[in-house]
Amino acid sequence: MNRQNALKKKSVEMSKSSALGENKEKLVNLGHDIEELNNTYEITEDPPLNSDEYIDWMRVSDVFLKDKHSAFECKSIWHIYLHPHQQVQMDPSENAKLKDLAKNLNYQNWDQIAH
């Protein structure tokens, strides 16, 4: 994802340049590189736990959450709660029990529901 952002940034800088004619071929090539990244990028496995190698937390905070949460908060929530390795599969009876409990408490008081 960072390589894609770098290519897009370079493309914008080149298009603003006064020597647009000279940069036209380079812009076309950059466009092809970006398109290739868009088409070939595929997540094949979960990222390693406690690794931020492929995650730009500033971008997550800014673009996806409109700065409602800081990059640090996003990173913390991901590693503590949301990372796929932290997820435990519940069997259907546990899931039904949790839904009933939440409904009985009007989907509020999550501390009590969690215990």
PDB file of N, CA and C in Angstrom:
ATOM      1  N   MET A   1       0.821  -1.181   0.000  1.00  0.00           N
ATOM      2  CA  MET A   1       0.000   0.000   0.000  1.00  0.00           C
ATOM      3  C   MET A   1       0.870   1.252   0.000  1.00  0.00           C
ATOM      4  N   ASN A   2       1.976   1.238   0.708  1.00  0.00           N
ATOM      5  CA  ASN A   2       2.855   2.400   0.741  1.00  0.00           C
ATOM      6  C   ASN A   2       3.464   2.666  -0.626  1.00  0.00           C
ATOM      7  N   ARG A   3       3.793   1.600  -1.370  1.00  0.00           N
ATOM      8  CA  ARG A   3       4.350   1.774  -2.712  1.00  0.00           C
ATOM      9  C   ARG A   3       3.310   2.424  -3.621  1.00  0.00           C
ATOM     10  N   GLN A   4       2.063   2.012  -3.475  1.00  0.00           N
ATOM     11  CA  GLN A   4       0.991   2.586  -4.271  1.00  0.00           C
ATOM     12  C   GLN A   4       0.847   4.076  -3.965  1.00  0.00           C
ATOM     13  N   ASN A   5       0.893   4.448  -2.701  1.00  0.00           N
ATOM     14  CA  ASN A   5       0.802   5.863  -2.324  1.00  0.00           C
ATOM     15  C   ASN A   5       1.974   6.658  -2.883  1.00  0.00           C
ATOM     16  N   ALA A   6       3.167   6.078  -2.835  1.00  0.00           N
ATOM     17  CA  ALA A   6       4.350   6.762  -3.365  1.00  0.00           C
ATOM     18  C   ALA A   6       4.210   6.991  -4.865  1.00  0.00           C
ATOM     19  N   LEU A   7       3.695   6.002  -5.581  1.00  0.00           N
ATOM     20  CA  LEU A   7       3.509   6.156  -7.027  1.00  0.00           C
ATOM     21  C   LEU A   7       2.470   7.229  -7.335  1.00  0.00           C
ATOM     22  N   LYS A   8       1.384   7.249  -6.575  1.00  0.00           N
ATOM     23  CA  LYS A   8       0.354   8.267  -6.794  1.00  0.00           C
ATOM     24  C   LYS A   8       0.903   9.664  -6.513  1.00  0.00           C
ATOM     25  N   LYS A   9       1.685   9.790  -5.447  1.00  0.00           N
ATOM     26  CA  LYS A   9       2.272  11.084  -5.103  1.00  0.00           C
ATOM     27  C   LYS A   9       3.200  11.554  -6.219  1.00  0.00           C
ATOM     28  N   LYS A  10       4.024  10.646  -6.715  1.00  0.00           N
ATOM     29  CA  LYS A  10       4.942  10.983  -7.799  1.00  0.00           C
ATOM     30  C   LYS A  10       4.168  11.404  -9.046  1.00  0.00           C
ATOM     31  N   SER A  11       3.068  10.722  -9.317  1.00  0.00           N
ATOM     32  CA  SER A  11       2.233  11.048 -10.467  1.00  0.00           C
ATOM     33  C   SER A  11       1.656  12.458 -10.350  1.00  0.00           C
ATOM     34  N   VAL A  12       1.172  12.812  -9.166  1.00  0.00           N
ATOM     35  CA  VAL A  12       0.614  14.151  -8.948  1.00  0.00           C
ATOM     36  C   VAL A  12       1.690  15.214  -9.104  1.00  0.00           C
ATOM     37  N   GLU A  13       2.866  14.964  -8.537  1.00  0.00           N
ATOM     38  CA  GLU A  13       3.965  15.925  -8.646  1.00  0.00           C
ATOM     39  C   GLU A  13       4.363  16.137 -10.101  1.00  0.00           C
ATOM     40  N   MET A  14       4.415  15.057 -10.854  1.00  0.00           N
ATOM     41  CA  MET A  14       4.807  15.167 -12.260  1.00  0.00           C
ATOM     42  C   MET A  14       3.746  15.900 -13.071  1.00  0.00           C
ATOM     43  N   SER A  15       2.475  15.681 -12.759  1.00  0.00           N
ATOM     44  CA  SER A  15       1.418  16.341 -13.525  1.00  0.00           C
ATOM     45  C   SER A  15       1.371  17.837 -13.242  1.00  0.00           C
ATOM     46  N   LYS A  16       1.869  18.272 -12.079  1.00  0.00           N
ATOM     47  CA  LYS A  16       1.917  19.695 -11.736  1.00  0.00           C
ATOM     48  C   LYS A  16       3.132  20.388 -12.347  1.00  0.00           C
ATOM     49  N   SER A  17       4.067  19.604 -12.791  1.00  0.00           N
ATOM     50  CA  SER A  17       5.310  20.141 -13.334  1.00  0.00           C
ATOM     51  C   SER A  17       5.037  20.951 -14.598  1.00  0.00           C
ATOM     52  N   SER A  18       5.847  21.982 -14.817  1.00  0.00           N
ATOM     53  CA  SER A  18       5.694  22.822 -16.008  1.00  0.00           C
ATOM     54  C   SER A  18       6.116  22.083 -17.271  1.00  0.00           C
ATOM     55  N   ALA A  19       6.929  21.070 -17.138  1.00  0.00           N
ATOM     56  CA  ALA A  19       7.410  20.306 -18.293  1.00  0.00           C
ATOM     57  C   ALA A  19       6.529  19.076 -18.496  1.00  0.00           C
ATOM     58  N   LEU A  20       5.221  19.298 -18.621  1.00  0.00           N
ATOM     59  CA  LEU A  20       4.279  18.194 -18.728  1.00  0.00           C
ATOM     60  C   LEU A  20       4.549  17.334 -19.953  1.00  0.00           C
ATOM     61  N   GLY A  21       4.947  17.949 -21.039  1.00  0.00           N
ATOM     62  CA  GLY A  21       5.234  17.186 -22.257  1.00  0.00           C
ATOM     63  C   GLY A  21       6.315  16.152 -22.036  1.00  0.00           C
ATOM     64  N   GLU A  22       7.348  16.529 -21.314  1.00  0.00           N
ATOM     65  CA  GLU A  22       8.454  15.613 -21.036  1.00  0.00           C
ATOM     66  C   GLU A  22       8.019  14.491 -20.093  1.00  0.00           C
ATOM     67  N   ASN A  23       7.082  14.795 -19.237  1.00  0.00           N
ATOM     68  CA  ASN A  23       6.669  13.827 -18.229  1.00  0.00           C
ATOM     69  C   ASN A  23       5.501  12.951 -18.666  1.00  0.00           C
ATOM     70  N   LYS A  24       4.939  13.214 -19.839  1.00  0.00           N
ATOM     71  CA  LYS A  24       3.743  12.490 -20.252  1.00  0.00           C
ATOM     72  C   LYS A  24       3.976  10.979 -20.289  1.00  0.00           C
ATOM     73  N   GLU A  25       5.074  10.561 -20.882  1.00  0.00           N
ATOM     74  CA  GLU A  25       5.361   9.128 -20.967  1.00  0.00           C
ATOM     75  C   GLU A  25       5.583   8.531 -19.572  1.00  0.00           C
ATOM     76  N   LYS A  26       6.278   9.284 -18.725  1.00  0.00           N
ATOM     77  CA  LYS A  26       6.505   8.807 -17.358  1.00  0.00           C
ATOM     78  C   LYS A  26       5.179   8.683 -16.600  1.00  0.00           C
ATOM     79  N   LEU A  27       4.269   9.648 -16.824  1.00  0.00           N
ATOM     80  CA  LEU A  27       2.962   9.592 -16.181  1.00  0.00           C
ATOM     81  C   LEU A  27       2.174   8.366 -16.634  1.00  0.00           C
ATOM     82  N   VAL A  28       2.232   8.082 -17.915  1.00  0.00           N
ATOM     83  CA  VAL A  28       1.541   6.904 -18.441  1.00  0.00           C
ATOM     84  C   VAL A  28       2.105   5.644 -17.796  1.00  0.00           C
ATOM     85  N   ASN A  29       3.433   5.570 -17.703  1.00  0.00           N
ATOM     86  CA  ASN A  29       4.067   4.402 -17.083  1.00  0.00           C
ATOM     87  C   ASN A  29       3.695   4.275 -15.603  1.00  0.00           C
ATOM     88  N   LEU A  30       3.664   5.415 -14.896  1.00  0.00           N
ATOM     89  CA  LEU A  30       3.251   5.388 -13.491  1.00  0.00           C
ATOM     90  C   LEU A  30       1.807   4.916 -13.355  1.00  0.00           C
ATOM     91  N   GLY A  31       0.962   5.382 -14.257  1.00  0.00           N
ATOM     92  CA  GLY A  31      -0.439   4.947 -14.250  1.00  0.00           C
ATOM     93  C   GLY A  31      -0.554   3.445 -14.420  1.00  0.00           C
ATOM     94  N   HIS A  32       0.265   2.894 -15.320  1.00  0.00           N
ATOM     95  CA  HIS A  32       0.266   1.442 -15.523  1.00  0.00           C
ATOM     96  C   HIS A  32       0.756   0.718 -14.267  1.00  0.00           C
ATOM     97  N   ASP A  33       1.787   1.267 -13.625  1.00  0.00           N
ATOM     98  CA  ASP A  33       2.306   0.655 -12.394  1.00  0.00           C
ATOM     99  C   ASP A  33       1.245   0.646 -11.292  1.00  0.00           C
ATOM    100  N   ILE A  34       0.533   1.768 -11.162  1.00  0.00           N
ATOM    101  CA  ILE A  34      -0.517   1.864 -10.148  1.00  0.00           C
ATOM    102  C   ILE A  34      -1.632   0.869 -10.454  1.00  0.00           C
ATOM    103  N   GLU A  35      -2.040   0.799 -11.703  1.00  0.00           N
ATOM    104  CA  GLU A  35      -3.091  -0.139 -12.104  1.00  0.00           C
ATOM    105  C   GLU A  35      -2.674  -1.580 -11.839  1.00  0.00           C
ATOM    106  N   GLU A  36      -1.418  -1.883 -12.123  1.00  0.00           N
ATOM    107  CA  GLU A  36      -0.904  -3.233 -11.879  1.00  0.00           C
ATOM    108  C   GLU A  36      -0.949  -3.568 -10.388  1.00  0.00           C
ATOM    109  N   LEU A  37      -0.565  -2.591  -9.557  1.00  0.00           N
ATOM    110  CA  LEU A  37      -0.641  -2.816  -8.109  1.00  0.00           C
ATOM    111  C   LEU A  37      -2.082  -3.036  -7.661  1.00  0.00           C
ATOM    112  N   ASN A  38      -2.999  -2.257  -8.216  1.00  0.00           N
ATOM    113  CA  ASN A  38      -4.407  -2.409  -7.856  1.00  0.00           C
ATOM    114  C   ASN A  38      -4.923  -3.796  -8.219  1.00  0.00           C
ATOM    115  N   ASN A  39      -4.485  -4.306  -9.356  1.00  0.00           N
ATOM    116  CA  ASN A  39      -4.981  -5.594  -9.836  1.00  0.00           C
ATOM    117  C   ASN A  39      -4.291  -6.789  -9.197  1.00  0.00           C
ATOM    118  N   THR A  40      -3.056  -6.623  -8.764  1.00  0.00           N
ATOM    119  CA  THR A  40      -2.320  -7.774  -8.260  1.00  0.00           C
ATOM    120  C   THR A  40      -2.275  -7.850  -6.747  1.00  0.00           C
ATOM    121  N   TYR A  41      -2.630  -6.770  -6.064  1.00  0.00           N
ATOM    122  CA  TYR A  41      -2.564  -6.780  -4.605  1.00  0.00           C
ATOM    123  C   TYR A  41      -3.647  -7.702  -4.066  1.00  0.00           C
ATOM    124  N   GLU A  42      -3.243  -8.687  -3.340  1.00  0.00           N
ATOM    125  CA  GLU A  42      -4.173  -9.641  -2.761  1.00  0.00           C
ATOM    126  C   GLU A  42      -3.656 -10.054  -1.387  1.00  0.00           C
ATOM    127  N   ILE A  43      -4.534 -10.026  -0.432  1.00  0.00           N
ATOM    128  CA  ILE A  43      -4.151 -10.453   0.907  1.00  0.00           C
ATOM    129  C   ILE A  43      -4.271 -11.970   0.949  1.00  0.00           C
ATOM    130  N   THR A  44      -3.166 -12.624   1.161  1.00  0.00           N
ATOM    131  CA  THR A  44      -3.172 -14.084   1.152  1.00  0.00           C
ATOM    132  C   THR A  44      -3.177 -14.670   2.556  1.00  0.00           C
ATOM    133  N   GLU A  45      -2.797 -13.886   3.530  1.00  0.00           N
ATOM    134  CA  GLU A  45      -2.790 -14.376   4.907  1.00  0.00           C
ATOM    135  C   GLU A  45      -2.911 -13.196   5.853  1.00  0.00           C
ATOM    136  N   ASP A  46      -3.247 -13.495   7.081  1.00  0.00           N
ATOM    137  CA  ASP A  46      -3.351 -12.440   8.084  1.00  0.00           C
ATOM    138  C   ASP A  46      -1.969 -11.870   8.365  1.00  0.00           C
ATOM    139  N   PRO A  47      -1.907 -10.561   8.650  1.00  0.00           N
ATOM    140  CA  PRO A  47      -0.603 -10.001   9.020  1.00  0.00           C
ATOM    141  C   PRO A  47      -0.143 -10.597  10.344  1.00  0.00           C
ATOM    142  N   PRO A  48       1.152 -10.672  10.559  1.00  0.00           N
ATOM    143  CA  PRO A  48       1.642 -11.218  11.830  1.00  0.00           C
ATOM    144  C   PRO A  48       1.153 -10.373  13.008  1.00  0.00           C
ATOM    145  N   LEU A  49       0.899 -11.024  14.104  1.00  0.00           N
ATOM    146  CA  LEU A  49       0.468 -10.324  15.307  1.00  0.00           C
ATOM    147  C   LEU A  49       1.577  -9.388  15.776  1.00  0.00           C
ATOM    148  N   ASN A  50       1.215  -8.177  16.169  1.00  0.00           N
ATOM    149  CA  ASN A  50       2.139  -7.137  16.635  1.00  0.00           C
ATOM    150  C   ASN A  50       3.123  -6.677  15.567  1.00  0.00           C
ATOM    151  N   SER A  51       2.747  -6.787  14.317  1.00  0.00           N
ATOM    152  CA  SER A  51       3.582  -6.293  13.230  1.00  0.00           C
ATOM    153  C   SER A  51       2.831  -5.187  12.504  1.00  0.00           C
ATOM    154  N   ASP A  52       3.512  -4.099  12.218  1.00  0.00           N
ATOM    155  CA  ASP A  52       2.903  -2.982  11.501  1.00  0.00           C
ATOM    156  C   ASP A  52       3.561  -2.771  10.146  1.00  0.00           C
ATOM    157  N   GLU A  53       4.203  -3.790   9.650  1.00  0.00           N
ATOM    158  CA  GLU A  53       4.993  -3.665   8.430  1.00  0.00           C
ATOM    159  C   GLU A  53       4.175  -3.145   7.248  1.00  0.00           C
ATOM    160  N   TYR A  54       2.921  -3.563   7.118  1.00  0.00           N
ATOM    161  CA  TYR A  54       2.126  -3.194   5.954  1.00  0.00           C
ATOM    162  C   TYR A  54       0.987  -2.242   6.278  1.00  0.00           C
ATOM    163  N   ILE A  55       0.969  -1.690   7.476  1.00  0.00           N
ATOM    164  CA  ILE A  55      -0.157  -0.860   7.887  1.00  0.00           C
ATOM    165  C   ILE A  55       0.311   0.556   8.175  1.00  0.00           C
ATOM    166  N   ASP A  56      -0.313   1.505   7.507  1.00  0.00           N
ATOM    167  CA  ASP A  56      -0.028   2.920   7.713  1.00  0.00           C
ATOM    168  C   ASP A  56      -1.118   3.467   8.640  1.00  0.00           C
ATOM    169  N   TRP A  57      -0.846   3.482   9.939  1.00  0.00           N
ATOM    170  CA  TRP A  57      -1.859   3.856  10.919  1.00  0.00           C
ATOM    171  C   TRP A  57      -2.288   5.308  10.782  1.00  0.00           C
ATOM    172  N   MET A  58      -1.400   6.183  10.334  1.00  0.00           N
ATOM    173  CA  MET A  58      -1.780   7.589  10.106  1.00  0.00           C
ATOM    174  C   MET A  58      -2.843   7.662   9.009  1.00  0.00           C
ATOM    175  N   ARG A  59      -2.664   6.874   7.968  1.00  0.00           N
ATOM    176  CA  ARG A  59      -3.636   6.859   6.862  1.00  0.00           C
ATOM    177  C   ARG A  59      -4.962   6.262   7.329  1.00  0.00           C
ATOM    178  N   VAL A  60      -4.906   5.197   8.101  1.00  0.00           N
ATOM    179  CA  VAL A  60      -6.132   4.596   8.637  1.00  0.00           C
ATOM    180  C   VAL A  60      -6.898   5.634   9.445  1.00  0.00           C
ATOM    181  N   SER A  61      -6.191   6.334  10.311  1.00  0.00           N
ATOM    182  CA  SER A  61      -6.811   7.358  11.145  1.00  0.00           C
ATOM    183  C   SER A  61      -7.405   8.482  10.303  1.00  0.00           C
ATOM    184  N   ASP A  62      -6.637   8.967   9.359  1.00  0.00           N
ATOM    185  CA  ASP A  62      -7.036  10.120   8.553  1.00  0.00           C
ATOM    186  C   ASP A  62      -8.113   9.772   7.537  1.00  0.00           C
ATOM    187  N   VAL A  63      -7.852   8.800   6.687  1.00  0.00           N
ATOM    188  CA  VAL A  63      -8.733   8.515   5.557  1.00  0.00           C
ATOM    189  C   VAL A  63      -9.986   7.754   5.981  1.00  0.00           C
ATOM    190  N   PHE A  64      -9.813   6.706   6.742  1.00  0.00           N
ATOM    191  CA  PHE A  64     -10.943   5.842   7.041  1.00  0.00           C
ATOM    192  C   PHE A  64     -11.747   6.283   8.257  1.00  0.00           C
ATOM    193  N   LEU A  65     -11.099   6.909   9.221  1.00  0.00           N
ATOM    194  CA  LEU A  65     -11.801   7.302  10.444  1.00  0.00           C
ATOM    195  C   LEU A  65     -11.907   8.809  10.607  1.00  0.00           C
ATOM    196  N   LYS A  66     -11.482   9.551   9.598  1.00  0.00           N
ATOM    197  CA  LYS A  66     -11.592  11.022   9.593  1.00  0.00           C
ATOM    198  C   LYS A  66     -11.052  11.642  10.877  1.00  0.00           C
ATOM    199  N   ASP A  67      -9.925  11.105  11.353  1.00  0.00           N
ATOM    200  CA  ASP A  67      -9.240  11.598  12.550  1.00  0.00           C
ATOM    201  C   ASP A  67     -10.092  11.556  13.822  1.00  0.00           C
ATOM    202  N   LYS A  68     -11.109  10.691  13.849  1.00  0.00           N
ATOM    203  CA  LYS A  68     -11.891  10.519  15.079  1.00  0.00           C
ATOM    204  C   LYS A  68     -11.073   9.784  16.133  1.00  0.00           C
ATOM    205  N   HIS A  69     -10.105   9.003  15.666  1.00  0.00           N
ATOM    206  CA  HIS A  69      -9.194   8.287  16.561  1.00  0.00           C
ATOM    207  C   HIS A  69      -7.779   8.500  16.056  1.00  0.00           C
ATOM    208  N   SER A  70      -6.844   8.599  16.971  1.00  0.00           N
ATOM    209  CA  SER A  70      -5.445   8.807  16.591  1.00  0.00           C
ATOM    210  C   SER A  70      -4.871   7.534  15.982  1.00  0.00           C
ATOM    211  N   ALA A  71      -3.736   7.676  15.342  1.00  0.00           N
ATOM    212  CA  ALA A  71      -3.049   6.518  14.776  1.00  0.00           C
ATOM    213  C   ALA A  71      -2.709   5.519  15.877  1.00  0.00           C
ATOM    214  N   PHE A  72      -2.297   6.026  17.030  1.00  0.00           N
ATOM    215  CA  PHE A  72      -1.969   5.146  18.157  1.00  0.00           C
ATOM    216  C   PHE A  72      -3.196   4.372  18.634  1.00  0.00           C
ATOM    217  N   GLU A  73      -4.345   5.050  18.712  1.00  0.00           N
ATOM    218  CA  GLU A  73      -5.572   4.371  19.132  1.00  0.00           C
ATOM    219  C   GLU A  73      -5.971   3.285  18.136  1.00  0.00           C
ATOM    220  N   CYS A  74      -5.869   3.592  16.850  1.00  0.00           N
ATOM    221  CA  CYS A  74      -6.200   2.603  15.812  1.00  0.00           C
ATOM    222  C   CYS A  74      -5.311   1.377  15.940  1.00  0.00           C
ATOM    223  N   LYS A  75      -4.033   1.619  16.079  1.00  0.00           N
ATOM    224  CA  LYS A  75      -3.067   0.528  16.208  1.00  0.00           C
ATOM    225  C   LYS A  75      -3.370  -0.313  17.451  1.00  0.00           C
ATOM    226  N   SER A  76      -3.648   0.340  18.560  1.00  0.00           N
ATOM    227  CA  SER A  76      -3.916  -0.378  19.810  1.00  0.00           C
ATOM    228  C   SER A  76      -5.172  -1.235  19.710  1.00  0.00           C
ATOM    229  N   ILE A  77      -6.239  -0.671  19.191  1.00  0.00           N
ATOM    230  CA  ILE A  77      -7.493  -1.420  19.055  1.00  0.00           C
ATOM    231  C   ILE A  77      -7.304  -2.617  18.132  1.00  0.00           C
ATOM    232  N   TRP A  78      -6.557  -2.421  17.044  1.00  0.00           N
ATOM    233  CA  TRP A  78      -6.297  -3.529  16.117  1.00  0.00           C
ATOM    234  C   TRP A  78      -5.557  -4.668  16.821  1.00  0.00           C
ATOM    235  N   HIS A  79      -4.477  -4.327  17.506  1.00  0.00           N
ATOM    236  CA  HIS A  79      -3.647  -5.372  18.109  1.00  0.00           C
ATOM    237  C   HIS A  79      -4.309  -6.037  19.318  1.00  0.00           C
ATOM    238  N   ILE A  80      -5.118  -5.292  20.062  1.00  0.00           N
ATOM    239  CA  ILE A  80      -5.713  -5.848  21.274  1.00  0.00           C
ATOM    240  C   ILE A  80      -7.031  -6.579  20.995  1.00  0.00           C
ATOM    241  N   TYR A  81      -7.866  -6.013  20.089  1.00  0.00           N
ATOM    242  CA  TYR A  81      -9.203  -6.567  19.903  1.00  0.00           C
ATOM    243  C   TYR A  81      -9.503  -7.120  18.512  1.00  0.00           C
ATOM    244  N   LEU A  82      -9.074  -6.425  17.469  1.00  0.00           N
ATOM    245  CA  LEU A  82      -9.579  -6.732  16.134  1.00  0.00           C
ATOM    246  C   LEU A  82      -8.727  -7.667  15.291  1.00  0.00           C
ATOM    247  N   HIS A  83      -7.476  -7.850  15.634  1.00  0.00           N
ATOM    248  CA  HIS A  83      -6.594  -8.707  14.827  1.00  0.00           C
ATOM    249  C   HIS A  83      -7.191 -10.114  14.753  1.00  0.00           C
ATOM    250  N   PRO A  84      -7.196 -10.718  13.562  1.00  0.00           N
ATOM    251  CA  PRO A  84      -7.792 -12.056  13.407  1.00  0.00           C
ATOM    252  C   PRO A  84      -7.239 -13.099  14.375  1.00  0.00           C
ATOM    253  N   HIS A  85      -6.000 -12.980  14.790  1.00  0.00           N
ATOM    254  CA  HIS A  85      -5.437 -13.952  15.729  1.00  0.00           C
ATOM    255  C   HIS A  85      -6.011 -13.796  17.135  1.00  0.00           C
ATOM    256  N   GLN A  86      -6.659 -12.663  17.397  1.00  0.00           N
ATOM    257  CA  GLN A  86      -7.261 -12.436  18.715  1.00  0.00           C
ATOM    258  C   GLN A  86      -8.707 -12.940  18.765  1.00  0.00           C
ATOM    259  N   GLN A  87      -9.245 -13.313  17.613  1.00  0.00           N
ATOM    260  CA  GLN A  87     -10.646 -13.714  17.537  1.00  0.00           C
ATOM    261  C   GLN A  87     -10.816 -15.177  17.934  1.00  0.00           C
ATOM    262  N   VAL A  88     -11.833 -15.439  18.701  1.00  0.00           N
ATOM    263  CA  VAL A  88     -12.160 -16.801  19.115  1.00  0.00           C
ATOM    264  C   VAL A  88     -13.522 -17.141  18.520  1.00  0.00           C
ATOM    265  N   GLN A  89     -13.601 -18.262  17.845  1.00  0.00           N
ATOM    266  CA  GLN A  89     -14.870 -18.690  17.269  1.00  0.00           C
ATOM    267  C   GLN A  89     -15.779 -19.228  18.373  1.00  0.00           C
ATOM    268  N   MET A  90     -17.019 -18.738  18.386  1.00  0.00           N
ATOM    269  CA  MET A  90     -17.984 -19.233  19.365  1.00  0.00           C
ATOM    270  C   MET A  90     -18.866 -20.272  18.690  1.00  0.00           C
ATOM    271  N   ASP A  91     -19.284 -21.258  19.460  1.00  0.00           N
ATOM    272  CA  ASP A  91     -20.201 -22.229  18.872  1.00  0.00           C
ATOM    273  C   ASP A  91     -21.598 -21.606  18.837  1.00  0.00           C
ATOM    274  N   PRO A  92     -22.502 -22.140  18.036  1.00  0.00           N
ATOM    275  CA  PRO A  92     -23.830 -21.522  17.871  1.00  0.00           C
ATOM    276  C   PRO A  92     -24.603 -21.334  19.176  1.00  0.00           C
ATOM    277  N   SER A  93     -24.465 -22.244  20.124  1.00  0.00           N
ATOM    278  CA  SER A  93     -25.202 -22.088  21.388  1.00  0.00           C
ATOM    279  C   SER A  93     -24.665 -20.906  22.194  1.00  0.00           C
ATOM    280  N   GLU A  94     -23.336 -20.725  22.192  1.00  0.00           N
ATOM    281  CA  GLU A  94     -22.743 -19.566  22.883  1.00  0.00           C
ATOM    282  C   GLU A  94     -23.181 -18.271  22.213  1.00  0.00           C
ATOM    283  N   ASN A  95     -23.217 -18.274  20.895  1.00  0.00           N
ATOM    284  CA  ASN A  95     -23.623 -17.097  20.141  1.00  0.00           C
ATOM    285  C   ASN A  95     -25.078 -16.735  20.461  1.00  0.00           C
ATOM    286  N   ALA A  96     -25.957 -17.724  20.503  1.00  0.00           N
ATOM    287  CA  ALA A  96     -27.364 -17.487  20.824  1.00  0.00           C
ATOM    288  C   ALA A  96     -27.516 -16.960  22.247  1.00  0.00           C
ATOM    289  N   LYS A  97     -26.754 -17.520  23.177  1.00  0.00           N
ATOM    290  CA  LYS A  97     -26.800 -17.085  24.576  1.00  0.00           C
ATOM    291  C   LYS A  97     -26.368 -15.618  24.694  1.00  0.00           C
ATOM    292  N   LEU A  98     -25.306 -15.250  23.973  1.00  0.00           N
ATOM    293  CA  LEU A  98     -24.820 -13.869  23.992  1.00  0.00           C
ATOM    294  C   LEU A  98     -25.857 -12.917  23.405  1.00  0.00           C
ATOM    295  N   LYS A  99     -26.482 -13.311  22.302  1.00  0.00           N
ATOM    296  CA  LYS A  99     -27.517 -12.462  21.691  1.00  0.00           C
ATOM    297  C   LYS A  99     -28.693 -12.256  22.643  1.00  0.00           C
ATOM    298  N   ASP A 100     -29.124 -13.318  23.309  1.00  0.00           N
ATOM    299  CA  ASP A 100     -30.231 -13.205  24.269  1.00  0.00           C
ATOM    300  C   ASP A 100     -29.870 -12.281  25.428  1.00  0.00           C
ATOM    301  N   LEU A 101     -28.666 -12.444  25.957  1.00  0.00           N
ATOM    302  CA  LEU A 101     -28.218 -11.603  27.065  1.00  0.00           C
ATOM    303  C   LEU A 101     -28.166 -10.134  26.642  1.00  0.00           C
ATOM    304  N   ALA A 102     -27.615  -9.870  25.467  1.00  0.00           N
ATOM    305  CA  ALA A 102     -27.535  -8.490  24.970  1.00  0.00           C
ATOM    306  C   ALA A 102     -28.930  -7.908  24.781  1.00  0.00           C
ATOM    307  N   LYS A 103     -29.838  -8.704  24.227  1.00  0.00           N
ATOM    308  CA  LYS A 103     -31.210  -8.233  24.016  1.00  0.00           C
ATOM    309  C   LYS A 103     -31.889  -7.919  25.352  1.00  0.00           C
ATOM    310  N   ASN A 104     -31.700  -8.793  26.345  1.00  0.00           N
ATOM    311  CA  ASN A 104     -32.306  -8.575  27.666  1.00  0.00           C
ATOM    312  C   ASN A 104     -31.786  -7.311  28.341  1.00  0.00           C
ATOM    313  N   LEU A 105     -30.579  -6.907  28.000  1.00  0.00           N
ATOM    314  CA  LEU A 105     -29.991  -5.691  28.582  1.00  0.00           C
ATOM    315  C   LEU A 105     -30.076  -4.507  27.616  1.00  0.00           C
ATOM    316  N   ASN A 106     -30.999  -4.597  26.643  1.00  0.00           N
ATOM    317  CA  ASN A 106     -31.241  -3.517  25.672  1.00  0.00           C
ATOM    318  C   ASN A 106     -29.983  -3.110  24.911  1.00  0.00           C
ATOM    319  N   TYR A 107     -29.116  -4.077  24.663  1.00  0.00           N
ATOM    320  CA  TYR A 107     -27.878  -3.849  23.901  1.00  0.00           C
ATOM    321  C   TYR A 107     -27.023  -2.744  24.519  1.00  0.00           C
ATOM    322  N   GLN A 108     -27.097  -2.643  25.835  1.00  0.00           N
ATOM    323  CA  GLN A 108     -26.294  -1.673  26.577  1.00  0.00           C
ATOM    324  C   GLN A 108     -25.610  -2.405  27.721  1.00  0.00           C
ATOM    325  N   ASN A 109     -24.823  -1.696  28.483  1.00  0.00           N
ATOM    326  CA  ASN A 109     -24.113  -2.267  29.631  1.00  0.00           C
ATOM    327  C   ASN A 109     -23.232  -3.436  29.198  1.00  0.00           C
ATOM    328  N   TRP A 110     -22.338  -3.157  28.281  1.00  0.00           N
ATOM    329  CA  TRP A 110     -21.478  -4.190  27.704  1.00  0.00           C
ATOM    330  C   TRP A 110     -20.502  -4.776  28.718  1.00  0.00           C
ATOM    331  N   ASP A 111     -20.213  -4.049  29.783  1.00  0.00           N
ATOM    332  CA  ASP A 111     -19.367  -4.627  30.837  1.00  0.00           C
ATOM    333  C   ASP A 111     -20.068  -5.819  31.483  1.00  0.00           C
ATOM    334  N   GLN A 112     -21.351  -5.657  31.766  1.00  0.00           N
ATOM    335  CA  GLN A 112     -22.111  -6.757  32.364  1.00  0.00           C
ATOM    336  C   GLN A 112     -22.276  -7.906  31.363  1.00  0.00           C
ATOM    337  N   ILE A 113     -22.523  -7.596  30.113  1.00  0.00           N
ATOM    338  CA  ILE A 113     -22.665  -8.629  29.083  1.00  0.00           C
ATOM    339  C   ILE A 113     -21.372  -9.423  28.947  1.00  0.00           C
ATOM    340  N   ALA A 114     -20.246  -8.744  29.042  1.00  0.00           N
ATOM    341  CA  ALA A 114     -18.947  -9.406  28.878  1.00  0.00           C
ATOM    342  C   ALA A 114     -18.640 -10.363  30.019  1.00  0.00           C
ATOM    343  N   HIS A 115     -19.201 -10.137  31.174  1.00  0.00           N
ATOM    344  CA  HIS A 115     -18.918 -11.009  32.321  1.00  0.00           C
ATOM    345  C   HIS A 115     -19.993 -12.027  32.406  1.00  0.00           C
TER     346      HIS A 115
END
